[in-house]
Amino acid sequence: MERSAELLVESSLPVSTVARRVGYRSPAQFAKAFRRQYQLTPTELRGISSNSTTNGVISMDCKCGCQTPEPPQVPPLRPRPKRDRRRGLERRLEGLDRRLQELDKAA
């Protein structure tokens, strides 16, 4: 996922090509996994990085005096913490066990 984020920010490759380059056959599955990891779609990340090039920040480092924009500043991507799915399943099973016991008593 980190490599895909780099490709999306640094290149103008289509999202489907980026998906294939990082090992996904389906761009939709790639987008779903990317959104789950970073809470942004690949297109939204690319939009953030492209908007930062036109944010009006000017560099005065040019010797000829022209005003060139700063390189894009992309916010750091933080992965979402993983949920413990077993706890949720255990709770559901406990609820089902209770319900079955209630039904057995009623019968």
PDB file of N, CA and C in Angstrom:
ATOM      1  N   MET A   1       0.821  -1.199   0.000  1.00  0.00           N
ATOM      2  CA  MET A   1       0.000   0.000   0.000  1.00  0.00           C
ATOM      3  C   MET A   1       0.867   1.266   0.000  1.00  0.00           C
ATOM      4  N   GLU A   2       1.990   1.218   0.703  1.00  0.00           N
ATOM      5  CA  GLU A   2       2.869   2.389   0.716  1.00  0.00           C
ATOM      6  C   GLU A   2       3.395   2.676  -0.687  1.00  0.00           C
ATOM      7  N   ARG A   3       3.782   1.629  -1.398  1.00  0.00           N
ATOM      8  CA  ARG A   3       4.282   1.799  -2.765  1.00  0.00           C
ATOM      9  C   ARG A   3       3.197   2.374  -3.667  1.00  0.00           C
ATOM     10  N   SER A   4       1.974   1.925  -3.497  1.00  0.00           N
ATOM     11  CA  SER A   4       0.891   2.446  -4.332  1.00  0.00           C
ATOM     12  C   SER A   4       0.656   3.929  -4.039  1.00  0.00           C
ATOM     13  N   ALA A   5       0.744   4.320  -2.773  1.00  0.00           N
ATOM     14  CA  ALA A   5       0.582   5.740  -2.429  1.00  0.00           C
ATOM     15  C   ALA A   5       1.687   6.570  -3.078  1.00  0.00           C
ATOM     16  N   GLU A   6       2.911   6.047  -3.058  1.00  0.00           N
ATOM     17  CA  GLU A   6       4.012   6.762  -3.709  1.00  0.00           C
ATOM     18  C   GLU A   6       3.756   6.915  -5.205  1.00  0.00           C
ATOM     19  N   LEU A   7       3.322   5.834  -5.850  1.00  0.00           N
ATOM     20  CA  LEU A   7       3.042   5.900  -7.292  1.00  0.00           C
ATOM     21  C   LEU A   7       1.928   6.891  -7.605  1.00  0.00           C
ATOM     22  N   LEU A   8       0.909   6.921  -6.764  1.00  0.00           N
ATOM     23  CA  LEU A   8      -0.206   7.832  -7.016  1.00  0.00           C
ATOM     24  C   LEU A   8       0.227   9.288  -6.895  1.00  0.00           C
ATOM     25  N   VAL A   9       1.102   9.572  -5.948  1.00  0.00           N
ATOM     26  CA  VAL A   9       1.536  10.955  -5.723  1.00  0.00           C
ATOM     27  C   VAL A   9       2.582  11.376  -6.741  1.00  0.00           C
ATOM     28  N   GLU A  10       3.530  10.486  -7.039  1.00  0.00           N
ATOM     29  CA  GLU A  10       4.677  10.869  -7.850  1.00  0.00           C
ATOM     30  C   GLU A  10       4.462  10.726  -9.357  1.00  0.00           C
ATOM     31  N   SER A  11       3.444   9.982  -9.770  1.00  0.00           N
ATOM     32  CA  SER A  11       3.254   9.775 -11.205  1.00  0.00           C
ATOM     33  C   SER A  11       1.831  10.165 -11.603  1.00  0.00           C
ATOM     34  N   SER A  12       1.629  10.173 -12.914  1.00  0.00           N
ATOM     35  CA  SER A  12       0.284  10.453 -13.418  1.00  0.00           C
ATOM     36  C   SER A  12      -0.339   9.186 -14.004  1.00  0.00           C
ATOM     37  N   LEU A  13       0.151   8.026 -13.551  1.00  0.00           N
ATOM     38  CA  LEU A  13      -0.404   6.761 -14.026  1.00  0.00           C
ATOM     39  C   LEU A  13      -1.863   6.635 -13.611  1.00  0.00           C
ATOM     40  N   PRO A  14      -2.689   6.013 -14.445  1.00  0.00           N
ATOM     41  CA  PRO A  14      -4.071   5.764 -14.039  1.00  0.00           C
ATOM     42  C   PRO A  14      -4.109   4.835 -12.821  1.00  0.00           C
ATOM     43  N   VAL A  15      -5.154   4.950 -12.033  1.00  0.00           N
ATOM     44  CA  VAL A  15      -5.296   4.137 -10.833  1.00  0.00           C
ATOM     45  C   VAL A  15      -5.282   2.651 -11.197  1.00  0.00           C
ATOM     46  N   SER A  16      -5.867   2.287 -12.318  1.00  0.00           N
ATOM     47  CA  SER A  16      -5.882   0.877 -12.722  1.00  0.00           C
ATOM     48  C   SER A  16      -4.469   0.359 -12.975  1.00  0.00           C
ATOM     49  N   THR A  17      -3.605   1.180 -13.537  1.00  0.00           N
ATOM     50  CA  THR A  17      -2.219   0.776 -13.772  1.00  0.00           C
ATOM     51  C   THR A  17      -1.473   0.638 -12.465  1.00  0.00           C
ATOM     52  N   VAL A  18      -1.692   1.570 -11.544  1.00  0.00           N
ATOM     53  CA  VAL A  18      -1.063   1.491 -10.230  1.00  0.00           C
ATOM     54  C   VAL A  18      -1.514   0.214  -9.525  1.00  0.00           C
ATOM     55  N   ALA A  19      -2.792  -0.094  -9.624  1.00  0.00           N
ATOM     56  CA  ALA A  19      -3.324  -1.308  -9.001  1.00  0.00           C
ATOM     57  C   ALA A  19      -2.613  -2.538  -9.543  1.00  0.00           C
ATOM     58  N   ARG A  20      -2.449  -2.612 -10.852  1.00  0.00           N
ATOM     59  CA  ARG A  20      -1.771  -3.764 -11.450  1.00  0.00           C
ATOM     60  C   ARG A  20      -0.315  -3.831 -11.040  1.00  0.00           C
ATOM     61  N   ARG A  21       0.340  -2.679 -10.942  1.00  0.00           N
ATOM     62  CA  ARG A  21       1.760  -2.660 -10.576  1.00  0.00           C
ATOM     63  C   ARG A  21       2.017  -3.129  -9.150  1.00  0.00           C
ATOM     64  N   VAL A  22       1.050  -2.951  -8.269  1.00  0.00           N
ATOM     65  CA  VAL A  22       1.248  -3.401  -6.885  1.00  0.00           C
ATOM     66  C   VAL A  22       0.592  -4.751  -6.624  1.00  0.00           C
ATOM     67  N   GLY A  23       0.091  -5.410  -7.688  1.00  0.00           N
ATOM     68  CA  GLY A  23      -0.341  -6.783  -7.547  1.00  0.00           C
ATOM     69  C   GLY A  23      -1.833  -7.051  -7.508  1.00  0.00           C
ATOM     70  N   TYR A  24      -2.657  -6.060  -7.774  1.00  0.00           N
ATOM     71  CA  TYR A  24      -4.110  -6.269  -7.790  1.00  0.00           C
ATOM     72  C   TYR A  24      -4.576  -6.489  -9.214  1.00  0.00           C
ATOM     73  N   ARG A  25      -5.439  -7.465  -9.401  1.00  0.00           N
ATOM     74  CA  ARG A  25      -6.013  -7.710 -10.721  1.00  0.00           C
ATOM     75  C   ARG A  25      -7.187  -6.776 -10.987  1.00  0.00           C
ATOM     76  N   SER A  26      -7.912  -6.444  -9.922  1.00  0.00           N
ATOM     77  CA  SER A  26      -9.109  -5.624 -10.065  1.00  0.00           C
ATOM     78  C   SER A  26      -8.867  -4.244  -9.444  1.00  0.00           C
ATOM     79  N   PRO A  27      -9.007  -3.172 -10.217  1.00  0.00           N
ATOM     80  CA  PRO A  27      -8.847  -1.830  -9.660  1.00  0.00           C
ATOM     81  C   PRO A  27      -9.858  -1.539  -8.546  1.00  0.00           C
ATOM     82  N   ALA A  28     -11.042  -2.138  -8.634  1.00  0.00           N
ATOM     83  CA  ALA A  28     -12.059  -1.907  -7.601  1.00  0.00           C
ATOM     84  C   ALA A  28     -11.614  -2.507  -6.261  1.00  0.00           C
ATOM     85  N   GLN A  29     -11.034  -3.700  -6.306  1.00  0.00           N
ATOM     86  CA  GLN A  29     -10.541  -4.309  -5.073  1.00  0.00           C
ATOM     87  C   GLN A  29      -9.367  -3.522  -4.500  1.00  0.00           C
ATOM     88  N   PHE A  30      -8.508  -3.014  -5.390  1.00  0.00           N
ATOM     89  CA  PHE A  30      -7.397  -2.174  -4.944  1.00  0.00           C
ATOM     90  C   PHE A  30      -7.922  -0.924  -4.251  1.00  0.00           C
ATOM     91  N   ALA A  31      -8.900  -0.261  -4.865  1.00  0.00           N
ATOM     92  CA  ALA A  31      -9.448   0.967  -4.287  1.00  0.00           C
ATOM     93  C   ALA A  31     -10.092   0.689  -2.924  1.00  0.00           C
ATOM     94  N   LYS A  32     -10.774  -0.439  -2.815  1.00  0.00           N
ATOM     95  CA  LYS A  32     -11.411  -0.807  -1.549  1.00  0.00           C
ATOM     96  C   LYS A  32     -10.358  -1.042  -0.462  1.00  0.00           C
ATOM     97  N   ALA A  33      -9.304  -1.778  -0.795  1.00  0.00           N
ATOM     98  CA  ALA A  33      -8.239  -2.042   0.176  1.00  0.00           C
ATOM     99  C   ALA A  33      -7.500  -0.751   0.539  1.00  0.00           C
ATOM    100  N   PHE A  34      -7.280   0.111  -0.453  1.00  0.00           N
ATOM    101  CA  PHE A  34      -6.597   1.382  -0.212  1.00  0.00           C
ATOM    102  C   PHE A  34      -7.428   2.249   0.724  1.00  0.00           C
ATOM    103  N   ARG A  35      -8.728   2.331   0.470  1.00  0.00           N
ATOM    104  CA  ARG A  35      -9.624   3.138   1.308  1.00  0.00           C
ATOM    105  C   ARG A  35      -9.684   2.581   2.728  1.00  0.00           C
ATOM    106  N   ARG A  36      -9.680   1.266   2.862  1.00  0.00           N
ATOM    107  CA  ARG A  36      -9.712   0.636   4.181  1.00  0.00           C
ATOM    108  C   ARG A  36      -8.424   0.962   4.950  1.00  0.00           C
ATOM    109  N   GLN A  37      -7.306   1.016   4.239  1.00  0.00           N
ATOM    110  CA  GLN A  37      -6.014   1.262   4.882  1.00  0.00           C
ATOM    111  C   GLN A  37      -5.822   2.730   5.253  1.00  0.00           C
ATOM    112  N   TYR A  38      -6.180   3.640   4.356  1.00  0.00           N
ATOM    113  CA  TYR A  38      -5.844   5.056   4.528  1.00  0.00           C
ATOM    114  C   TYR A  38      -7.040   5.995   4.697  1.00  0.00           C
ATOM    115  N   GLN A  39      -8.238   5.512   4.672  1.00  0.00           N
ATOM    116  CA  GLN A  39      -9.454   6.308   4.771  1.00  0.00           C
ATOM    117  C   GLN A  39      -9.557   7.363   3.667  1.00  0.00           C
ATOM    118  N   LEU A  40      -8.906   7.126   2.543  1.00  0.00           N
ATOM    119  CA  LEU A  40      -8.980   7.967   1.354  1.00  0.00           C
ATOM    120  C   LEU A  40      -9.030   7.053   0.144  1.00  0.00           C
ATOM    121  N   THR A  41      -9.718   7.482  -0.894  1.00  0.00           N
ATOM    122  CA  THR A  41      -9.648   6.718  -2.130  1.00  0.00           C
ATOM    123  C   THR A  41      -8.354   7.103  -2.842  1.00  0.00           C
ATOM    124  N   PRO A  42      -7.871   6.268  -3.757  1.00  0.00           N
ATOM    125  CA  PRO A  42      -6.669   6.638  -4.501  1.00  0.00           C
ATOM    126  C   PRO A  42      -6.819   7.973  -5.233  1.00  0.00           C
ATOM    127  N   THR A  43      -7.988   8.214  -5.775  1.00  0.00           N
ATOM    128  CA  THR A  43      -8.228   9.468  -6.492  1.00  0.00           C
ATOM    129  C   THR A  43      -8.194  10.659  -5.533  1.00  0.00           C
ATOM    130  N   GLU A  44      -8.733  10.491  -4.331  1.00  0.00           N
ATOM    131  CA  GLU A  44      -8.693  11.578  -3.348  1.00  0.00           C
ATOM    132  C   GLU A  44      -7.257  11.899  -2.952  1.00  0.00           C
ATOM    133  N   LEU A  45      -6.428  10.867  -2.777  1.00  0.00           N
ATOM    134  CA  LEU A  45      -5.023  11.109  -2.446  1.00  0.00           C
ATOM    135  C   LEU A  45      -4.352  11.878  -3.558  1.00  0.00           C
ATOM    136  N   ARG A  46      -4.603  11.475  -4.791  1.00  0.00           N
ATOM    137  CA  ARG A  46      -3.999  12.179  -5.922  1.00  0.00           C
ATOM    138  C   ARG A  46      -4.488  13.629  -5.973  1.00  0.00           C
ATOM    139  N   GLY A  47      -5.778  13.858  -5.656  1.00  0.00           N
ATOM    140  CA  GLY A  47      -6.313  15.219  -5.641  1.00  0.00           C
ATOM    141  C   GLY A  47      -5.666  16.078  -4.573  1.00  0.00           C
ATOM    142  N   ILE A  48      -5.420  15.498  -3.408  1.00  0.00           N
ATOM    143  CA  ILE A  48      -4.752  16.239  -2.334  1.00  0.00           C
ATOM    144  C   ILE A  48      -3.355  16.631  -2.771  1.00  0.00           C
ATOM    145  N   SER A  49      -2.623  15.692  -3.364  1.00  0.00           N
ATOM    146  CA  SER A  49      -1.248  15.988  -3.760  1.00  0.00           C
ATOM    147  C   SER A  49      -1.199  16.993  -4.907  1.00  0.00           C
ATOM    148  N   SER A  50      -2.164  16.933  -5.843  1.00  0.00           N
ATOM    149  CA  SER A  50      -2.142  17.887  -6.952  1.00  0.00           C
ATOM    150  C   SER A  50      -2.595  19.271  -6.496  1.00  0.00           C
ATOM    151  N   ASN A  51      -3.514  19.342  -5.527  1.00  0.00           N
ATOM    152  CA  ASN A  51      -3.938  20.645  -5.018  1.00  0.00           C
ATOM    153  C   ASN A  51      -2.824  21.339  -4.265  1.00  0.00           C
ATOM    154  N   SER A  52      -1.935  20.584  -3.656  1.00  0.00           N
ATOM    155  CA  SER A  52      -0.883  21.219  -2.886  1.00  0.00           C
ATOM    156  C   SER A  52       0.147  21.891  -3.778  1.00  0.00           C
ATOM    157  N   THR A  53       0.174  21.533  -5.096  1.00  0.00           N
ATOM    158  CA  THR A  53       1.104  22.218  -5.995  1.00  0.00           C
ATOM    159  C   THR A  53       0.555  23.579  -6.404  1.00  0.00           C
ATOM    160  N   THR A  54      -0.733  23.782  -6.285  1.00  0.00           N
ATOM    161  CA  THR A  54      -1.318  25.055  -6.696  1.00  0.00           C
ATOM    162  C   THR A  54      -1.849  25.831  -5.500  1.00  0.00           C
ATOM    163  N   ASN A  55      -1.236  25.627  -4.344  1.00  0.00           N
ATOM    164  CA  ASN A  55      -1.759  26.278  -3.149  1.00  0.00           C
ATOM    165  C   ASN A  55      -1.248  27.689  -2.960  1.00  0.00           C
ATOM    166  N   GLY A  56      -0.490  28.212  -3.939  1.00  0.00           N
ATOM    167  CA  GLY A  56      -0.060  29.592  -3.846  1.00  0.00           C
ATOM    168  C   GLY A  56       1.241  29.785  -3.094  1.00  0.00           C
ATOM    169  N   VAL A  57       1.870  28.750  -2.606  1.00  0.00           N
ATOM    170  CA  VAL A  57       3.141  28.890  -1.917  1.00  0.00           C
ATOM    171  C   VAL A  57       4.200  29.129  -2.971  1.00  0.00           C
ATOM    172  N   ILE A  58       4.961  30.194  -2.808  1.00  0.00           N
ATOM    173  CA  ILE A  58       5.929  30.591  -3.816  1.00  0.00           C
ATOM    174  C   ILE A  58       7.333  30.439  -3.257  1.00  0.00           C
ATOM    175  N   SER A  59       8.241  29.965  -4.097  1.00  0.00           N
ATOM    176  CA  SER A  59       9.638  29.823  -3.720  1.00  0.00           C
ATOM    177  C   SER A  59      10.423  30.969  -4.337  1.00  0.00           C
ATOM    178  N   MET A  60      11.304  31.586  -3.576  1.00  0.00           N
ATOM    179  CA  MET A  60      12.125  32.679  -4.088  1.00  0.00           C
ATOM    180  C   MET A  60      13.546  32.197  -4.376  1.00  0.00           C
ATOM    181  N   ASP A  61      13.754  30.888  -4.516  1.00  0.00           N
ATOM    182  CA  ASP A  61      15.083  30.335  -4.716  1.00  0.00           C
ATOM    183  C   ASP A  61      15.570  30.445  -6.158  1.00  0.00           C
ATOM    184  N   CYS A  62      14.716  30.744  -7.075  1.00  0.00           N
ATOM    185  CA  CYS A  62      15.078  30.786  -8.480  1.00  0.00           C
ATOM    186  C   CYS A  62      15.972  31.988  -8.760  1.00  0.00           C
ATOM    187  N   LYS A  63      17.081  31.753  -9.476  1.00  0.00           N
ATOM    188  CA  LYS A  63      18.046  32.825  -9.760  1.00  0.00           C
ATOM    189  C   LYS A  63      17.529  33.814 -10.788  1.00  0.00           C
ATOM    190  N   CYS A  64      16.624  33.380 -11.655  1.00  0.00           N
ATOM    191  CA  CYS A  64      16.133  34.278 -12.700  1.00  0.00           C
ATOM    192  C   CYS A  64      15.025  35.200 -12.184  1.00  0.00           C
ATOM    193  N   GLY A  65      14.547  34.973 -10.960  1.00  0.00           N
ATOM    194  CA  GLY A  65      13.531  35.835 -10.387  1.00  0.00           C
ATOM    195  C   GLY A  65      12.106  35.366 -10.625  1.00  0.00           C
ATOM    196  N   CYS A  66      11.936  34.278 -11.382  1.00  0.00           N
ATOM    197  CA  CYS A  66      10.569  33.790 -11.587  1.00  0.00           C
ATOM    198  C   CYS A  66      10.062  33.142 -10.307  1.00  0.00           C
ATOM    199  N   GLN A  67       8.785  33.043 -10.196  1.00  0.00           N
ATOM    200  CA  GLN A  67       8.177  32.471  -8.997  1.00  0.00           C
ATOM    201  C   GLN A  67       7.714  31.062  -9.319  1.00  0.00           C
ATOM    202  N   THR A  68       8.415  30.081  -8.786  1.00  0.00           N
ATOM    203  CA  THR A  68       8.062  28.682  -9.035  1.00  0.00           C
ATOM    204  C   THR A  68       7.392  28.109  -7.797  1.00  0.00           C
ATOM    205  N   PRO A  69       6.390  27.259  -7.999  1.00  0.00           N
ATOM    206  CA  PRO A  69       5.718  26.686  -6.835  1.00  0.00           C
ATOM    207  C   PRO A  69       6.600  25.673  -6.109  1.00  0.00           C
ATOM    208  N   GLU A  70       6.374  25.565  -4.821  1.00  0.00           N
ATOM    209  CA  GLU A  70       7.061  24.567  -3.997  1.00  0.00           C
ATOM    210  C   GLU A  70       6.622  23.171  -4.437  1.00  0.00           C
ATOM    211  N   PRO A  71       7.433  22.155  -4.186  1.00  0.00           N
ATOM    212  CA  PRO A  71       6.972  20.796  -4.483  1.00  0.00           C
ATOM    213  C   PRO A  71       5.785  20.429  -3.609  1.00  0.00           C
ATOM    214  N   PRO A  72       4.972  19.481  -4.057  1.00  0.00           N
ATOM    215  CA  PRO A  72       3.759  19.150  -3.304  1.00  0.00           C
ATOM    216  C   PRO A  72       4.067  18.619  -1.907  1.00  0.00           C
ATOM    217  N   GLN A  73       3.258  19.029  -0.958  1.00  0.00           N
ATOM    218  CA  GLN A  73       3.350  18.538   0.411  1.00  0.00           C
ATOM    219  C   GLN A  73       2.171  17.603   0.643  1.00  0.00           C
ATOM    220  N   VAL A  74       2.452  16.330   0.753  1.00  0.00           N
ATOM    221  CA  VAL A  74       1.411  15.332   0.927  1.00  0.00           C
ATOM    222  C   VAL A  74       1.301  15.008   2.409  1.00  0.00           C
ATOM    223  N   PRO A  75       0.089  15.014   2.962  1.00  0.00           N
ATOM    224  CA  PRO A  75      -0.044  14.673   4.381  1.00  0.00           C
ATOM    225  C   PRO A  75       0.403  13.242   4.633  1.00  0.00           C
ATOM    226  N   PRO A  76       0.992  12.979   5.798  1.00  0.00           N
ATOM    227  CA  PRO A  76       1.408  11.611   6.077  1.00  0.00           C
ATOM    228  C   PRO A  76       0.197  10.685   6.163  1.00  0.00           C
ATOM    229  N   LEU A  77       0.336   9.517   5.605  1.00  0.00           N
ATOM    230  CA  LEU A  77      -0.748   8.548   5.620  1.00  0.00           C
ATOM    231  C   LEU A  77      -0.573   7.647   6.837  1.00  0.00           C
ATOM    232  N   ARG A  78      -1.628   7.561   7.631  1.00  0.00           N
ATOM    233  CA  ARG A  78      -1.573   6.708   8.817  1.00  0.00           C
ATOM    234  C   ARG A  78      -2.525   5.542   8.635  1.00  0.00           C
ATOM    235  N   PRO A  79      -1.981   4.330   8.732  1.00  0.00           N
ATOM    236  CA  PRO A  79      -2.878   3.180   8.616  1.00  0.00           C
ATOM    237  C   PRO A  79      -3.850   3.115   9.777  1.00  0.00           C
ATOM    238  N   ARG A  80      -5.037   2.640   9.501  1.00  0.00           N
ATOM    239  CA  ARG A  80      -6.053   2.476  10.536  1.00  0.00           C
ATOM    240  C   ARG A  80      -5.692   1.260  11.372  1.00  0.00           C
ATOM    241  N   PRO A  81      -5.844   1.327  12.690  1.00  0.00           N
ATOM    242  CA  PRO A  81      -5.550   0.154  13.513  1.00  0.00           C
ATOM    243  C   PRO A  81      -6.489  -0.993  13.172  1.00  0.00           C
ATOM    244  N   LYS A  82      -5.932  -2.191  13.200  1.00  0.00           N
ATOM    245  CA  LYS A  82      -6.734  -3.364  12.858  1.00  0.00           C
ATOM    246  C   LYS A  82      -7.660  -3.719  14.006  1.00  0.00           C
ATOM    247  N   ARG A  83      -8.889  -4.123  13.649  1.00  0.00           N
ATOM    248  CA  ARG A  83      -9.855  -4.558  14.648  1.00  0.00           C
ATOM    249  C   ARG A  83      -9.623  -6.027  14.958  1.00  0.00           C
ATOM    250  N   ASP A  84      -9.974  -6.398  16.171  1.00  0.00           N
ATOM    251  CA  ASP A  84      -9.913  -7.807  16.532  1.00  0.00           C
ATOM    252  C   ASP A  84     -11.266  -8.411  16.177  1.00  0.00           C
ATOM    253  N   ARG A  85     -11.337  -9.068  15.043  1.00  0.00           N
ATOM    254  CA  ARG A  85     -12.601  -9.611  14.553  1.00  0.00           C
ATOM    255  C   ARG A  85     -13.085 -10.779  15.398  1.00  0.00           C
ATOM    256  N   ARG A  86     -12.147 -11.454  16.062  1.00  0.00           N
ATOM    257  CA  ARG A  86     -12.551 -12.602  16.862  1.00  0.00           C
ATOM    258  C   ARG A  86     -13.471 -12.191  18.006  1.00  0.00           C
ATOM    259  N   ARG A  87     -13.212 -11.028  18.605  1.00  0.00           N
ATOM    260  CA  ARG A  87     -14.068 -10.582  19.712  1.00  0.00           C
ATOM    261  C   ARG A  87     -15.501 -10.406  19.245  1.00  0.00           C
ATOM    262  N   GLY A  88     -15.675  -9.799  18.082  1.00  0.00           N
ATOM    263  CA  GLY A  88     -17.017  -9.606  17.556  1.00  0.00           C
ATOM    264  C   GLY A  88     -17.708 -10.928  17.258  1.00  0.00           C
ATOM    265  N   LEU A  89     -16.955 -11.874  16.717  1.00  0.00           N
ATOM    266  CA  LEU A  89     -17.534 -13.183  16.425  1.00  0.00           C
ATOM    267  C   LEU A  89     -17.889 -13.928  17.710  1.00  0.00           C
ATOM    268  N   GLU A  90     -17.017 -13.805  18.707  1.00  0.00           N
ATOM    269  CA  GLU A  90     -17.306 -14.460  19.985  1.00  0.00           C
ATOM    270  C   GLU A  90     -18.588 -13.907  20.602  1.00  0.00           C
ATOM    271  N   ARG A  91     -18.765 -12.616  20.525  1.00  0.00           N
ATOM    272  CA  ARG A  91     -19.993 -12.003  21.072  1.00  0.00           C
ATOM    273  C   ARG A  91     -21.230 -12.510  20.340  1.00  0.00           C
ATOM    274  N   ARG A  92     -21.134 -12.608  19.018  1.00  0.00           N
ATOM    275  CA  ARG A  92     -22.278 -13.101  18.249  1.00  0.00           C
ATOM    276  C   ARG A  92     -22.599 -14.544  18.619  1.00  0.00           C
ATOM    277  N   LEU A  93     -21.548 -15.353  18.751  1.00  0.00           N
ATOM    278  CA  LEU A  93     -21.775 -16.756  19.118  1.00  0.00           C
ATOM    279  C   LEU A  93     -22.385 -16.881  20.508  1.00  0.00           C
ATOM    280  N   GLU A  94     -21.938 -16.058  21.436  1.00  0.00           N
ATOM    281  CA  GLU A  94     -22.515 -16.085  22.778  1.00  0.00           C
ATOM    282  C   GLU A  94     -23.996 -15.723  22.725  1.00  0.00           C
ATOM    283  N   GLY A  95     -24.331 -14.707  21.926  1.00  0.00           N
ATOM    284  CA  GLY A  95     -25.726 -14.308  21.782  1.00  0.00           C
ATOM    285  C   GLY A  95     -26.565 -15.414  21.165  1.00  0.00           C
ATOM    286  N   LEU A  96     -26.007 -16.089  20.160  1.00  0.00           N
ATOM    287  CA  LEU A  96     -26.730 -17.195  19.545  1.00  0.00           C
ATOM    288  C   LEU A  96     -26.914 -18.354  20.526  1.00  0.00           C
ATOM    289  N   ASP A  97     -25.891 -18.640  21.315  1.00  0.00           N
ATOM    290  CA  ASP A  97     -26.005 -19.701  22.325  1.00  0.00           C
ATOM    291  C   ASP A  97     -27.112 -19.384  23.327  1.00  0.00           C
ATOM    292  N   ARG A  98     -27.137 -18.124  23.781  1.00  0.00           N
ATOM    293  CA  ARG A  98     -28.191 -17.725  24.725  1.00  0.00           C
ATOM    294  C   ARG A  98     -29.566 -17.878  24.104  1.00  0.00           C
ATOM    295  N   ARG A  99     -29.686 -17.464  22.845  1.00  0.00           N
ATOM    296  CA  ARG A  99     -30.978 -17.552  22.163  1.00  0.00           C
ATOM    297  C   ARG A  99     -31.410 -19.018  21.995  1.00  0.00           C
ATOM    298  N   LEU A 100     -30.469 -19.897  21.672  1.00  0.00           N
ATOM    299  CA  LEU A 100     -30.784 -21.322  21.536  1.00  0.00           C
ATOM    300  C   LEU A 100     -31.212 -21.925  22.871  1.00  0.00           C
ATOM    301  N   GLN A 101     -30.559 -21.510  23.941  1.00  0.00           N
ATOM    302  CA  GLN A 101     -30.933 -21.994  25.262  1.00  0.00           C
ATOM    303  C   GLN A 101     -32.345 -21.534  25.624  1.00  0.00           C
ATOM    304  N   GLU A 102     -32.668 -20.289  25.300  1.00  0.00           N
ATOM    305  CA  GLU A 102     -34.010 -19.768  25.557  1.00  0.00           C
ATOM    306  C   GLU A 102     -35.049 -20.555  24.756  1.00  0.00           C
ATOM    307  N   LEU A 103     -34.728 -20.854  23.494  1.00  0.00           N
ATOM    308  CA  LEU A 103     -35.655 -21.611  22.665  1.00  0.00           C
ATOM    309  C   LEU A 103     -35.832 -23.048  23.173  1.00  0.00           C
ATOM    310  N   ASP A 104     -34.740 -23.644  23.668  1.00  0.00           N
ATOM    311  CA  ASP A 104     -34.831 -24.997  24.235  1.00  0.00           C
ATOM    312  C   ASP A 104     -35.722 -25.004  25.474  1.00  0.00           C
ATOM    313  N   LYS A 105     -35.587 -23.986  26.309  1.00  0.00           N
ATOM    314  CA  LYS A 105     -36.415 -23.901  27.532  1.00  0.00           C
ATOM    315  C   LYS A 105     -37.883 -23.713  27.177  1.00  0.00           C
ATOM    316  N   ALA A 106     -38.129 -22.901  26.130  1.00  0.00           N
ATOM    317  CA  ALA A 106     -39.507 -22.634  25.729  1.00  0.00           C
ATOM    318  C   ALA A 106     -40.160 -23.869  25.094  1.00  0.00           C
ATOM    319  N   ALA A 107     -39.367 -24.717  24.492  1.00  0.00           N
ATOM    320  CA  ALA A 107     -39.919 -25.910  23.823  1.00  0.00           C
ATOM    321  C   ALA A 107     -40.172 -27.006  24.791  1.00  0.00           C
TER     322      ALA A 107
END
